[in-house]
Amino acid sequence: MANAGGVTSVRVRDPRRWAVTLGGLAVYGLGSRLWLPGLDPEAVTRMAVPVPSANLSIFAVGVRPILFGLAFVEMARVVFPPLARWAARGPYRSEYLWRTARLFALALAASQAMGIARAVEGLDGLAPSPGPMFRLGVVAAILGATAFLIWLARVMTERGVGDGLLILFAAPFVAHLLYDVAAGLESVGTGLQTDWGPLALAALFVAALALLIAATRPTGAGARLDIWSPLIGTLVFQWLIVFFHLDDSDAPPTAVWLLVLLVGQAGLIWLFAAWRGRAQRADSIQLGAEILVCGVALALALLLGVGGPMTGPWIILCVAAGLSVASGKAQADGGLSGPTPTA
């Protein structure tokens, strides 16, 4: 055990590994400034789009489809025990299952790309030549970019520090959060608005960072958060909200309805943790911290209109990215980019 810890420490301190990770982030940042094919640069400039990487770059969907693909397979393994038993019979079967997850991620990225292309066509002058060829170009660009990110995440994990996929997810999220906080402070300071929502979201991020790091210490989980239970639980919760049309009202929820929503989300997160064997007494502190973070994030989204329904899991993923860098465990087991993704 001591030897393994020493190897991990050497990996984290290796400047060559840091160069790979920072280089991967630089490549990601560069790609986030490459506009989708078929756009009119002058029209984009006239629209005063502050950050093309937000919606109009080849990395418009980021690594979210990859995470969703992995989450979908993890959910299938939990809900259908025969599938989990089949995958456990041999490493080649498990690897085949996770390859299927990455194919699902590419299909999801293509679907999202088509939605982006159709939305861009609806904006005056942004796409000079709308039509099937424009949509095909956008889909091809985003699909190729997503496949590249799958490869880049694996390289960053194997040759860098931390989990490459989590780091690629966390970088734009944290940057966007800092931008929102700065804009919120400027607006409040100049008297343009008295909305403290962005600052409340930043306070949640800081508090969640301290809480989740503290929660990993007594669990014996090796400084690794369980990202699947809050991610899958919140995803299913949002699917149910949309399916039953429970989000049709624009008015803030009543206290009773807010309580029902918070309990529903917490119950689903606990249920998936229990199915995955992560709701034991030893896991209670970490699981409780994750449920609390997701609940506060949901309340801020509903009451103040800041963040979104997935903000809680996103914060947990960002903290998990930081912990992966500190622990170096992704370099030992492949993390989310390995043949059998571990997180």
Protein backbone atom coordinates (compact mmCIF):
# COMPACT_ATOMS: atom_id res chain seq x y z
CA MET A 1 0.00 0.00 0.00
CA ALA A 2 2.83 2.39 0.84
CA ASN A 3 4.53 1.62 -2.42
CA ALA A 4 1.32 2.35 -4.36
CA GLY A 5 0.96 5.65 -2.54
CA GLY A 6 4.54 6.54 -3.38
CA VAL A 7 4.02 5.77 -7.06
CA THR A 8 0.88 7.92 -7.06
CA SER A 9 2.74 10.79 -5.41
CA VAL A 10 5.51 10.63 -8.01
CA ARG A 11 2.94 10.68 -10.82
CA VAL A 12 1.21 13.77 -9.41
CA ARG A 13 4.54 15.62 -9.07
CA ASP A 14 5.86 14.66 -12.51
CA PRO A 15 6.10 17.90 -14.56
CA ARG A 16 5.75 15.95 -17.81
CA ARG A 17 2.34 14.73 -16.70
CA TRP A 18 1.28 18.26 -15.81
CA ALA A 19 2.45 19.39 -19.25
CA VAL A 20 0.19 16.79 -20.88
CA THR A 21 -2.83 17.85 -18.80
CA LEU A 22 -2.27 21.57 -19.38
CA GLY A 23 -1.64 20.92 -23.06
CA GLY A 24 -4.92 19.02 -23.31
CA LEU A 25 -6.77 21.93 -21.70
CA ALA A 26 -5.06 24.33 -24.11
CA VAL A 27 -6.19 22.24 -27.08
CA TYR A 28 -9.71 22.17 -25.66
CA GLY A 29 -9.67 25.94 -25.22
CA LEU A 30 -8.43 26.44 -28.78
CA GLY A 31 -11.12 24.19 -30.20
CA SER A 32 -13.74 26.08 -28.21
CA ARG A 33 -12.93 29.11 -30.32
CA LEU A 34 -13.28 27.40 -33.68
CA TRP A 35 -16.72 28.22 -35.06
CA LEU A 36 -18.92 25.61 -36.58
CA PRO A 37 -18.65 25.30 -40.37
CA GLY A 38 -21.08 27.38 -42.39
CA LEU A 39 -21.40 30.30 -39.97
CA ASP A 40 -20.96 33.90 -41.03
CA PRO A 41 -18.24 35.40 -38.75
CA GLU A 42 -19.51 38.95 -39.31
CA ALA A 43 -23.03 37.93 -38.32
CA VAL A 44 -21.69 36.29 -35.17
CA THR A 45 -19.77 39.48 -34.34
CA ARG A 46 -22.87 41.63 -34.88
CA MET A 47 -24.77 39.40 -32.45
CA ALA A 48 -22.10 40.21 -29.85
CA VAL A 49 -21.70 36.60 -28.83
CA PRO A 50 -19.21 36.93 -25.90
CA VAL A 51 -17.92 33.37 -25.88
CA PRO A 52 -18.27 31.39 -29.13
CA SER A 53 -17.37 28.23 -27.22
CA ALA A 54 -20.65 28.42 -25.34
CA ASN A 55 -22.87 27.31 -28.21
CA LEU A 56 -21.26 27.89 -31.60
CA SER A 57 -17.93 26.06 -31.59
CA ILE A 58 -17.02 22.54 -32.65
CA PHE A 59 -16.92 21.71 -28.92
CA ALA A 60 -20.41 23.10 -28.38
CA VAL A 61 -21.65 19.98 -26.58
CA GLY A 62 -18.39 19.41 -24.72
CA VAL A 63 -17.93 16.08 -22.98
CA ARG A 64 -21.50 15.91 -21.66
CA PRO A 65 -22.61 13.30 -24.23
CA ILE A 66 -19.71 11.08 -23.12
CA LEU A 67 -20.72 11.39 -19.47
CA PHE A 68 -24.36 10.74 -20.33
CA GLY A 69 -23.40 7.69 -22.37
CA LEU A 70 -21.41 6.25 -19.47
CA ALA A 71 -24.23 7.10 -17.06
CA PHE A 72 -26.76 5.36 -19.31
CA VAL A 73 -24.73 2.13 -19.28
CA GLU A 74 -24.18 2.36 -15.52
CA MET A 75 -27.92 2.81 -15.05
CA ALA A 76 -28.61 -0.19 -17.29
CA ARG A 77 -26.19 -2.32 -15.24
CA VAL A 78 -28.00 -1.30 -12.05
CA VAL A 79 -31.57 -1.70 -13.29
CA PHE A 80 -30.94 -4.97 -15.17
CA PRO A 81 -28.87 -7.29 -12.94
CA PRO A 82 -28.53 -9.95 -15.71
CA LEU A 83 -26.62 -7.39 -17.76
CA ALA A 84 -24.25 -6.74 -14.85
CA ARG A 85 -23.73 -10.48 -14.35
CA TRP A 86 -23.05 -10.93 -18.07
CA ALA A 87 -20.45 -8.13 -18.04
CA ALA A 88 -18.78 -9.58 -14.94
CA ARG A 89 -18.07 -12.93 -16.59
CA GLY A 90 -15.02 -11.63 -18.40
CA PRO A 91 -13.06 -8.41 -18.94
CA TYR A 92 -13.73 -8.48 -22.67
CA ARG A 93 -17.49 -8.39 -22.02
CA SER A 94 -17.20 -5.45 -19.66
CA GLU A 95 -15.00 -3.59 -22.13
CA TYR A 96 -17.52 -4.30 -24.90
CA LEU A 97 -20.27 -2.83 -22.73
CA TRP A 98 -18.38 0.39 -22.16
CA ARG A 99 -17.49 0.65 -25.85
CA THR A 100 -21.22 0.55 -26.45
CA ALA A 101 -21.52 3.49 -24.02
CA ARG A 102 -19.12 5.53 -26.11
CA LEU A 103 -21.06 4.71 -29.29
CA PHE A 104 -24.20 5.85 -27.51
CA ALA A 105 -22.35 9.06 -26.60
CA LEU A 106 -21.55 9.69 -30.26
CA ALA A 107 -25.20 9.11 -31.21
CA LEU A 108 -26.28 11.55 -28.51
CA ALA A 109 -23.74 14.11 -29.73
CA ALA A 110 -25.08 13.78 -33.29
CA SER A 111 -28.63 14.34 -32.05
CA GLN A 112 -27.59 17.43 -30.11
CA ALA A 113 -25.64 18.71 -33.11
CA MET A 114 -28.74 18.48 -35.28
CA GLY A 115 -30.65 20.50 -32.70
CA ILE A 116 -27.92 23.15 -32.68
CA ALA A 117 -27.92 23.32 -36.48
CA ARG A 118 -31.68 23.81 -36.63
CA ALA A 119 -31.52 26.48 -33.93
CA VAL A 120 -28.76 28.36 -35.78
CA GLU A 121 -30.78 28.26 -38.99
CA GLY A 122 -33.54 30.07 -37.14
CA LEU A 123 -31.27 33.05 -36.41
CA ASP A 124 -31.27 35.69 -39.13
CA GLY A 125 -28.08 35.79 -41.17
CA LEU A 126 -26.05 33.51 -38.93
CA ALA A 127 -26.04 30.68 -41.47
CA PRO A 128 -25.77 32.18 -45.00
CA SER A 129 -26.60 28.85 -46.67
CA PRO A 130 -29.05 26.94 -44.45
CA GLY A 131 -30.25 23.55 -45.51
CA PRO A 132 -29.28 19.89 -45.45
CA MET A 133 -25.62 20.50 -46.31
CA PHE A 134 -25.24 23.03 -43.51
CA ARG A 135 -26.84 20.66 -41.00
CA LEU A 136 -24.65 17.80 -42.23
CA GLY A 137 -21.53 19.93 -41.80
CA VAL A 138 -22.48 20.89 -38.24
CA VAL A 139 -23.26 17.28 -37.29
CA ALA A 140 -20.01 16.03 -38.83
CA ALA A 141 -17.97 18.72 -37.04
CA ILE A 142 -19.48 18.09 -33.61
CA LEU A 143 -19.40 14.32 -34.06
CA GLY A 144 -15.72 14.43 -34.99
CA ALA A 145 -14.99 16.80 -32.12
CA THR A 146 -16.70 14.47 -29.63
CA ALA A 147 -14.72 11.48 -30.90
CA PHE A 148 -11.57 13.57 -30.54
CA LEU A 149 -12.50 14.46 -26.94
CA ILE A 150 -12.93 10.75 -26.12
CA TRP A 151 -9.37 10.19 -27.34
CA LEU A 152 -8.02 13.36 -25.67
CA ALA A 153 -9.55 12.43 -22.31
CA ARG A 154 -7.89 9.03 -22.46
CA VAL A 155 -4.51 10.54 -23.30
CA MET A 156 -4.82 13.05 -20.46
CA THR A 157 -5.71 10.24 -18.04
CA GLU A 158 -2.94 7.87 -19.13
CA ARG A 159 -0.15 10.42 -19.51
CA GLY A 160 -1.31 13.38 -17.42
CA VAL A 161 -2.62 13.93 -13.90
CA GLY A 162 -6.18 13.34 -12.79
CA ASP A 163 -9.12 11.98 -14.73
CA GLY A 164 -9.02 13.53 -18.19
CA LEU A 165 -12.76 13.33 -18.80
CA LEU A 166 -13.64 14.97 -15.49
CA ILE A 167 -11.01 17.69 -16.00
CA LEU A 168 -12.32 18.48 -19.49
CA PHE A 169 -15.82 18.75 -18.04
CA ALA A 170 -14.84 20.88 -15.05
CA ALA A 171 -12.69 23.45 -16.87
CA PRO A 172 -15.46 25.28 -18.83
CA PHE A 173 -17.94 24.89 -15.96
CA VAL A 174 -15.64 26.61 -13.47
CA ALA A 175 -14.67 29.28 -16.03
CA HIS A 176 -18.33 30.00 -16.77
CA LEU A 177 -19.13 30.16 -13.05
CA LEU A 178 -16.35 32.68 -12.47
CA TYR A 179 -17.61 34.76 -15.41
CA ASP A 180 -21.17 34.75 -13.99
CA VAL A 181 -19.95 35.78 -10.54
CA ALA A 182 -17.87 38.64 -11.96
CA ALA A 183 -20.80 39.84 -14.08
CA GLY A 184 -23.14 39.57 -11.08
CA LEU A 185 -20.79 41.54 -8.85
CA GLU A 186 -20.43 44.26 -11.49
CA SER A 187 -24.21 44.53 -11.98
CA VAL A 188 -24.93 44.68 -8.26
CA GLY A 189 -22.08 47.13 -7.64
CA THR A 190 -23.28 49.53 -10.36
CA GLY A 191 -26.88 49.31 -9.20
CA LEU A 192 -28.10 47.77 -12.44
CA GLN A 193 -29.66 44.92 -10.49
CA THR A 194 -30.01 43.63 -6.98
CA ASP A 195 -30.04 39.97 -7.94
CA TRP A 196 -27.66 38.07 -5.69
CA GLY A 197 -28.39 34.77 -7.42
CA PRO A 198 -24.95 34.37 -9.07
CA LEU A 199 -23.25 35.05 -5.75
CA ALA A 200 -25.48 32.48 -4.06
CA LEU A 201 -24.46 29.95 -6.70
CA ALA A 202 -20.78 30.76 -6.13
CA ALA A 203 -21.27 30.38 -2.38
CA LEU A 204 -22.85 26.98 -2.99
CA PHE A 205 -19.85 25.92 -5.08
CA VAL A 206 -17.38 26.94 -2.37
CA ALA A 207 -19.43 25.31 0.40
CA ALA A 208 -19.93 22.15 -1.66
CA LEU A 209 -16.20 21.97 -2.34
CA ALA A 210 -15.40 22.00 1.38
CA LEU A 211 -18.28 19.69 2.30
CA LEU A 212 -17.58 17.04 -0.34
CA ILE A 213 -13.84 16.97 0.32
CA ALA A 214 -14.53 16.55 4.03
CA ALA A 215 -17.08 13.82 3.27
CA THR A 216 -14.53 11.68 1.44
CA ARG A 217 -12.16 11.47 4.40
CA PRO A 218 -14.05 9.13 6.77
CA THR A 219 -15.49 6.85 4.08
CA GLY A 220 -12.32 5.01 3.21
CA ALA A 221 -13.26 5.57 -0.45
CA GLY A 222 -9.75 6.61 -1.37
CA ALA A 223 -10.64 10.29 -1.88
CA ARG A 224 -13.05 9.38 -4.66
CA LEU A 225 -16.64 10.58 -4.89
CA ASP A 226 -19.50 8.42 -6.13
CA ILE A 227 -20.53 10.50 -9.14
CA TRP A 228 -23.02 8.01 -10.61
CA SER A 229 -25.71 8.07 -7.92
CA PRO A 230 -26.33 11.87 -7.96
CA LEU A 231 -25.89 12.05 -11.74
CA ILE A 232 -28.26 9.19 -12.58
CA GLY A 233 -30.72 10.07 -9.83
CA THR A 234 -30.98 13.69 -10.97
CA LEU A 235 -31.23 12.70 -14.64
CA VAL A 236 -34.12 10.32 -13.93
CA PHE A 237 -35.74 12.98 -11.74
CA GLN A 238 -35.60 15.51 -14.59
CA TRP A 239 -36.94 12.97 -17.09
CA LEU A 240 -39.93 12.34 -14.81
CA ILE A 241 -40.52 16.09 -14.42
CA VAL A 242 -40.61 16.54 -18.20
CA PHE A 243 -42.62 13.36 -18.85
CA PHE A 244 -45.39 14.36 -16.43
CA HIS A 245 -45.26 18.05 -17.50
CA LEU A 246 -44.50 19.20 -13.98
CA ASP A 247 -42.36 22.12 -15.19
CA ASP A 248 -45.01 23.93 -17.23
CA SER A 249 -45.56 26.73 -14.70
CA ASP A 250 -43.23 29.75 -14.74
CA ALA A 251 -44.24 30.82 -11.23
CA PRO A 252 -41.95 30.04 -8.28
CA PRO A 253 -42.98 26.81 -6.54
CA THR A 254 -44.89 26.87 -3.29
CA ALA A 255 -43.15 25.72 -0.14
CA VAL A 256 -45.01 22.39 -0.16
CA TRP A 257 -44.28 21.72 -3.85
CA LEU A 258 -40.62 22.65 -3.39
CA LEU A 259 -40.41 20.19 -0.50
CA VAL A 260 -42.00 17.46 -2.63
CA LEU A 261 -39.47 18.07 -5.41
CA LEU A 262 -36.52 18.05 -3.03
CA VAL A 263 -37.67 14.82 -1.38
CA GLY A 264 -38.29 13.21 -4.80
CA GLN A 265 -34.81 14.07 -6.04
CA ALA A 266 -33.17 12.94 -2.79
CA GLY A 267 -35.12 9.68 -2.86
CA LEU A 268 -33.99 8.84 -6.39
CA ILE A 269 -30.35 9.60 -5.58
CA TRP A 270 -30.56 7.37 -2.50
CA LEU A 271 -32.33 4.63 -4.48
CA PHE A 272 -29.61 4.42 -7.12
CA ALA A 273 -26.93 4.54 -4.42
CA ALA A 274 -28.65 1.63 -2.67
CA TRP A 275 -28.87 -0.37 -5.89
CA ARG A 276 -25.16 0.23 -6.47
CA GLY A 277 -24.28 -0.82 -2.92
CA ARG A 278 -23.21 2.73 -2.00
CA ALA A 279 -25.88 3.42 0.66
CA GLN A 280 -24.25 1.51 3.49
CA ARG A 281 -23.57 3.12 6.85
CA ALA A 282 -19.96 3.77 5.86
CA ASP A 283 -21.16 5.75 2.83
CA SER A 284 -23.82 7.78 4.66
CA ILE A 285 -21.73 10.93 5.14
CA GLN A 286 -20.67 11.15 1.50
CA LEU A 287 -24.15 10.28 0.21
CA GLY A 288 -25.77 12.80 2.53
CA ALA A 289 -23.38 15.52 1.38
CA GLU A 290 -24.14 14.81 -2.29
CA ILE A 291 -27.91 14.85 -1.67
CA LEU A 292 -27.56 18.15 0.19
CA VAL A 293 -25.57 19.77 -2.62
CA CYS A 294 -28.06 18.62 -5.26
CA GLY A 295 -31.00 19.78 -3.13
CA VAL A 296 -29.62 23.28 -2.53
CA ALA A 297 -28.74 23.62 -6.22
CA LEU A 298 -32.29 22.62 -7.20
CA ALA A 299 -33.75 25.12 -4.71
CA LEU A 300 -31.58 27.94 -6.10
CA ALA A 301 -32.65 27.09 -9.65
CA LEU A 302 -36.35 27.09 -8.75
CA LEU A 303 -36.41 30.07 -6.39
CA LEU A 304 -33.73 32.40 -7.80
CA GLY A 305 -33.46 31.17 -11.39
CA VAL A 306 -29.69 30.61 -11.21
CA GLY A 307 -27.89 27.53 -12.37
CA GLY A 308 -30.13 24.72 -13.52
CA PRO A 309 -31.60 21.39 -12.51
CA MET A 310 -28.27 19.64 -13.20
CA THR A 311 -26.08 22.14 -11.32
CA GLY A 312 -25.77 19.88 -8.27
CA PRO A 313 -24.31 16.89 -10.16
CA TRP A 314 -22.12 19.27 -12.20
CA ILE A 315 -20.60 20.66 -8.98
CA ILE A 316 -20.00 17.12 -7.70
CA LEU A 317 -18.26 16.24 -10.98
CA CYS A 318 -16.03 19.32 -10.66
CA VAL A 319 -15.03 18.37 -7.12
CA ALA A 320 -14.41 14.80 -8.31
CA ALA A 321 -12.11 16.21 -10.99
CA GLY A 322 -10.06 18.02 -8.36
CA LEU A 323 -9.90 14.95 -6.15
CA SER A 324 -8.73 12.86 -9.11
CA VAL A 325 -5.81 15.23 -9.62
CA ALA A 326 -4.89 15.12 -5.94
CA SER A 327 -5.14 11.34 -5.59
CA GLY A 328 -3.69 10.22 -8.92
CA LYS A 329 -5.90 7.11 -8.80
CA ALA A 330 -7.16 7.59 -12.36
CA GLN A 331 -3.63 6.86 -13.59
CA ALA A 332 -3.76 3.52 -11.75
CA ASP A 333 -7.17 2.25 -12.90
CA GLY A 334 -7.90 4.32 -16.03
CA GLY A 335 -10.64 6.44 -14.45
CA LEU A 336 -13.60 7.21 -16.70
CA SER A 337 -11.46 6.72 -19.81
CA GLY A 338 -10.39 3.17 -18.98
CA PRO A 339 -11.76 -0.04 -20.50
CA THR A 340 -14.13 -0.31 -17.50
CA PRO A 341 -14.74 3.32 -16.37
CA THR A 342 -14.16 3.81 -12.66
CA ALA A 343 -15.32 6.81 -10.65
